[in-house]
């Protein structure tokens, strides 16, 4: 059993928090884990990408080969498309719909959405709006993780949710409960889509 995940987005969106939660859940289950260094500019506004590999067997490399990723989890739609060559034919893209226009020649949103929706296995959700509507603007990343949970072969959704609690425990019970709710919002959103 193995799961290879590409995490992508823009610095400041919370991609590394998603990696931390998934990694903590995997280690809690006794799985092997390798994470490549973050590539790109991790400061606010720069593109960020990381490879996260989970397995019940030893993992030789921390890098994911072209055409082998099981999932792309992205907080930015163009960044999700940037890593399409790495996705396996059965792989899933779970991405935010909200663009972060950090470059002058950012593609037209309509074309971006067309390209995303033409992919065979994709979930596009507006995590930014869901977070705002639910008064949790800093938890958009955890909403996205909740949406990705049903497609993570190696980790049960409940194990991931418990990891959310452990990761945010030092920030207090109110923050933990808000992030549980964020996870549940993303998880419920995907369950309604009926894949």
Protein backbone atom coordinates (compact mmCIF):
# COMPACT_ATOMS: atom_id res chain seq x y z
CA UNK A 1 0.00 0.00 0.00
CA UNK A 2 1.33 3.40 -0.95
CA UNK A 3 -0.04 6.87 -1.54
CA UNK A 4 1.88 9.58 -3.35
CA UNK A 5 0.55 13.11 -2.96
CA UNK A 6 1.63 16.36 -4.56
CA UNK A 7 0.70 19.39 -2.49
CA UNK A 8 0.70 22.72 -4.27
CA UNK A 9 -0.39 26.29 -3.83
CA UNK A 10 0.93 29.68 -2.92
CA UNK A 11 2.98 30.60 0.15
CA UNK A 12 0.75 31.58 3.06
CA UNK A 13 -2.25 29.45 2.05
CA UNK A 14 -1.55 26.60 4.46
CA UNK A 15 -0.18 23.88 2.18
CA UNK A 16 2.46 22.98 4.75
CA UNK A 17 -0.22 22.63 7.44
CA UNK A 18 -2.02 20.11 5.22
CA UNK A 19 1.27 18.18 4.84
CA UNK A 20 1.80 18.28 8.62
CA UNK A 21 -1.69 16.90 9.33
CA UNK A 22 -1.40 14.10 6.76
CA UNK A 23 2.12 13.26 7.94
CA UNK A 24 1.09 13.16 11.59
CA UNK A 25 -1.84 10.86 10.78
CA UNK A 26 0.42 8.54 8.79
CA UNK A 27 3.01 8.33 11.57
CA UNK A 28 0.23 7.78 14.11
CA UNK A 29 -0.76 4.68 12.08
CA UNK A 30 2.85 3.48 11.89
CA UNK A 31 3.19 4.16 8.16
CA UNK A 32 6.44 5.15 6.52
CA UNK A 33 6.60 8.74 5.33
CA UNK A 34 8.90 10.79 3.14
CA UNK A 35 8.40 14.41 2.23
CA UNK A 36 10.47 16.27 -0.31
CA UNK A 37 11.65 19.71 0.56
CA UNK A 38 9.28 22.47 -0.38
CA UNK A 39 10.14 23.80 -3.82
CA UNK A 40 9.45 27.38 -4.80
CA UNK A 41 9.16 30.50 -2.73
CA UNK A 42 7.43 29.59 0.50
CA UNK A 43 7.04 33.20 1.54
CA UNK A 44 3.59 34.71 1.10
CA UNK A 45 2.68 34.92 -2.58
CA UNK A 46 5.28 32.55 -4.09
CA UNK A 47 4.41 29.15 -5.55
CA UNK A 48 4.92 26.19 -3.22
CA UNK A 49 5.03 22.49 -4.03
CA UNK A 50 5.90 19.45 -1.97
CA UNK A 51 5.91 15.69 -2.51
CA UNK A 52 4.45 13.58 0.28
CA UNK A 53 4.83 9.80 0.10
CA UNK A 54 3.15 7.32 2.46
CA UNK A 55 3.61 3.56 2.48
CA UNK A 56 3.45 0.49 4.69
CA UNK A 57 6.81 -0.53 3.14
CA UNK A 58 10.12 1.35 3.16
CA UNK A 59 10.21 4.32 0.76
CA UNK A 60 13.38 4.71 -1.31
CA UNK A 61 12.94 8.25 -2.61
CA UNK A 62 11.13 11.32 -1.40
CA UNK A 63 10.37 12.40 -4.99
CA UNK A 64 7.30 11.33 -6.97
CA UNK A 65 7.99 10.20 -10.55
CA UNK A 66 6.07 11.55 -13.54
CA UNK A 67 2.71 9.81 -14.03
CA UNK A 68 2.63 8.14 -10.61
CA UNK A 69 0.99 10.56 -8.14
CA UNK A 70 -2.23 9.32 -6.60
CA UNK A 71 -3.40 12.82 -5.80
CA UNK A 72 -2.76 16.50 -6.28
CA UNK A 73 -4.09 18.59 -3.41
CA UNK A 74 -3.94 22.24 -4.37
CA UNK A 75 -5.08 25.49 -2.83
CA UNK A 76 -4.72 27.23 -6.20
CA UNK A 77 -6.21 25.99 -9.52
CA UNK A 78 -3.34 26.94 -11.84
CA UNK A 79 -0.88 25.31 -9.44
CA UNK A 80 -2.96 22.10 -9.61
CA UNK A 81 -2.68 22.08 -13.41
CA UNK A 82 1.06 22.79 -13.28
CA UNK A 83 1.62 19.29 -11.79
CA UNK A 84 -0.70 17.32 -14.11
CA UNK A 85 2.24 15.45 -15.72
CA UNK A 86 2.89 13.83 -12.33
CA UNK A 87 -0.66 12.51 -11.88
CA UNK A 88 -1.37 8.85 -12.60
CA UNK A 89 -4.25 8.03 -14.97
CA UNK A 90 -6.39 7.06 -11.98
CA UNK A 91 -5.18 9.92 -9.79
CA UNK A 92 -7.40 12.61 -8.28
CA UNK A 93 -7.09 16.38 -8.27
CA UNK A 94 -8.64 18.10 -5.26
CA UNK A 95 -8.33 21.84 -5.69
CA UNK A 96 -9.63 25.19 -4.64
CA UNK A 97 -11.49 27.11 -7.34
CA UNK A 98 -10.20 30.48 -6.14
CA UNK A 99 -7.29 31.82 -8.19
CA UNK A 100 -4.39 33.63 -6.57
CA UNK A 101 -3.17 35.92 -9.34
CA UNK A 102 0.45 36.34 -8.39
CA UNK A 103 1.84 36.63 -11.93
CA UNK A 104 1.10 39.17 -14.68
CA UNK A 105 0.16 36.59 -17.34
CA UNK A 106 -2.20 34.54 -15.17
CA UNK A 107 -4.50 32.45 -17.45
CA UNK A 108 -8.16 33.36 -18.00
CA UNK A 109 -10.23 31.83 -15.19
CA UNK A 110 -12.75 30.37 -17.63
CA UNK A 111 -10.05 28.46 -19.54
CA UNK A 112 -8.48 27.34 -16.29
CA UNK A 113 -11.78 25.88 -15.05
CA UNK A 114 -12.46 24.23 -18.43
CA UNK A 115 -9.07 22.51 -18.30
CA UNK A 116 -9.59 21.38 -14.71
CA UNK A 117 -13.09 20.09 -15.32
CA UNK A 118 -11.93 18.17 -18.40
CA UNK A 119 -9.83 15.94 -16.13
CA UNK A 120 -11.36 12.52 -15.39
CA UNK A 121 -11.00 12.65 -11.58
CA UNK A 122 -11.33 16.13 -10.15
CA UNK A 123 -13.04 17.93 -7.28
CA UNK A 124 -13.07 21.72 -7.55
CA UNK A 125 -14.50 23.62 -4.61
CA UNK A 126 -14.37 27.22 -3.53
CA UNK A 127 -12.74 26.70 -0.14
CA UNK A 128 -12.15 30.42 0.29
CA UNK A 129 -15.88 31.19 0.11
CA UNK A 130 -16.81 28.18 2.22
CA UNK A 131 -14.36 29.38 4.86
CA UNK A 132 -15.73 32.95 4.78
CA UNK A 133 -19.38 31.82 4.84
CA UNK A 134 -18.64 29.74 7.92
CA UNK A 135 -16.62 32.48 9.66
CA UNK A 136 -13.33 30.58 9.55
CA UNK A 137 -11.20 32.43 6.98
CA UNK A 138 -7.96 30.86 8.22
CA UNK A 139 -9.26 27.29 7.83
CA UNK A 140 -9.72 27.09 4.03
CA UNK A 141 -6.80 24.62 3.89
CA UNK A 142 -8.48 22.27 6.38
CA UNK A 143 -11.72 22.43 4.36
CA UNK A 144 -9.70 21.31 1.34
CA UNK A 145 -8.14 18.48 3.38
CA UNK A 146 -11.62 17.35 4.42
CA UNK A 147 -12.61 17.24 0.74
CA UNK A 148 -9.50 15.20 -0.10
CA UNK A 149 -10.00 12.73 2.78
CA UNK A 150 -12.35 10.29 0.96
CA UNK A 151 -9.76 9.83 -1.81
CA UNK A 152 -6.72 9.17 0.40
CA UNK A 153 -6.32 5.40 0.16
CA UNK A 154 -3.84 5.08 3.02
CA UNK A 155 -5.71 7.09 5.65
CA UNK A 156 -9.23 6.82 6.97
CA UNK A 157 -11.05 10.17 7.20
CA UNK A 158 -11.55 9.76 10.95
CA UNK A 159 -7.81 9.23 11.48
CA UNK A 160 -7.12 12.45 9.55
CA UNK A 161 -9.75 14.31 11.56
CA UNK A 162 -8.15 13.14 14.82
CA UNK A 163 -4.79 14.37 13.52
CA UNK A 164 -6.35 17.81 12.95
CA UNK A 165 -7.13 17.87 16.68
CA UNK A 166 -3.62 16.85 17.70
CA UNK A 167 -1.92 19.34 15.38
CA UNK A 168 -4.01 22.31 16.57
CA UNK A 169 -4.19 21.26 20.25
CA UNK A 170 -1.54 23.76 21.33
CA UNK A 171 -3.66 26.62 19.95
CA UNK A 172 -6.57 25.87 22.27
CA UNK A 173 -9.91 24.08 22.17
CA UNK A 174 -11.68 26.83 20.20
CA UNK A 175 -9.17 26.53 17.33
CA UNK A 176 -9.39 22.73 17.45
CA UNK A 177 -13.20 22.82 17.21
CA UNK A 178 -13.12 25.35 14.37
CA UNK A 179 -10.75 23.13 12.39
CA UNK A 180 -12.82 20.01 13.09
CA UNK A 181 -15.77 21.92 11.66
CA UNK A 182 -13.69 23.02 8.65
CA UNK A 183 -12.64 19.41 7.98
CA UNK A 184 -16.28 18.26 8.25
CA UNK A 185 -17.46 20.97 5.82
CA UNK A 186 -15.02 19.76 3.14
CA UNK A 187 -15.79 16.11 3.83
CA UNK A 188 -19.57 16.65 3.62
CA UNK A 189 -19.21 18.71 0.43
CA UNK A 190 -17.55 15.79 -1.36
CA UNK A 191 -20.00 13.20 0.01
CA UNK A 192 -22.85 15.18 -1.61
CA UNK A 193 -21.12 14.96 -5.02
CA UNK A 194 -21.64 11.16 -5.10
CA UNK A 195 -18.57 9.77 -6.89
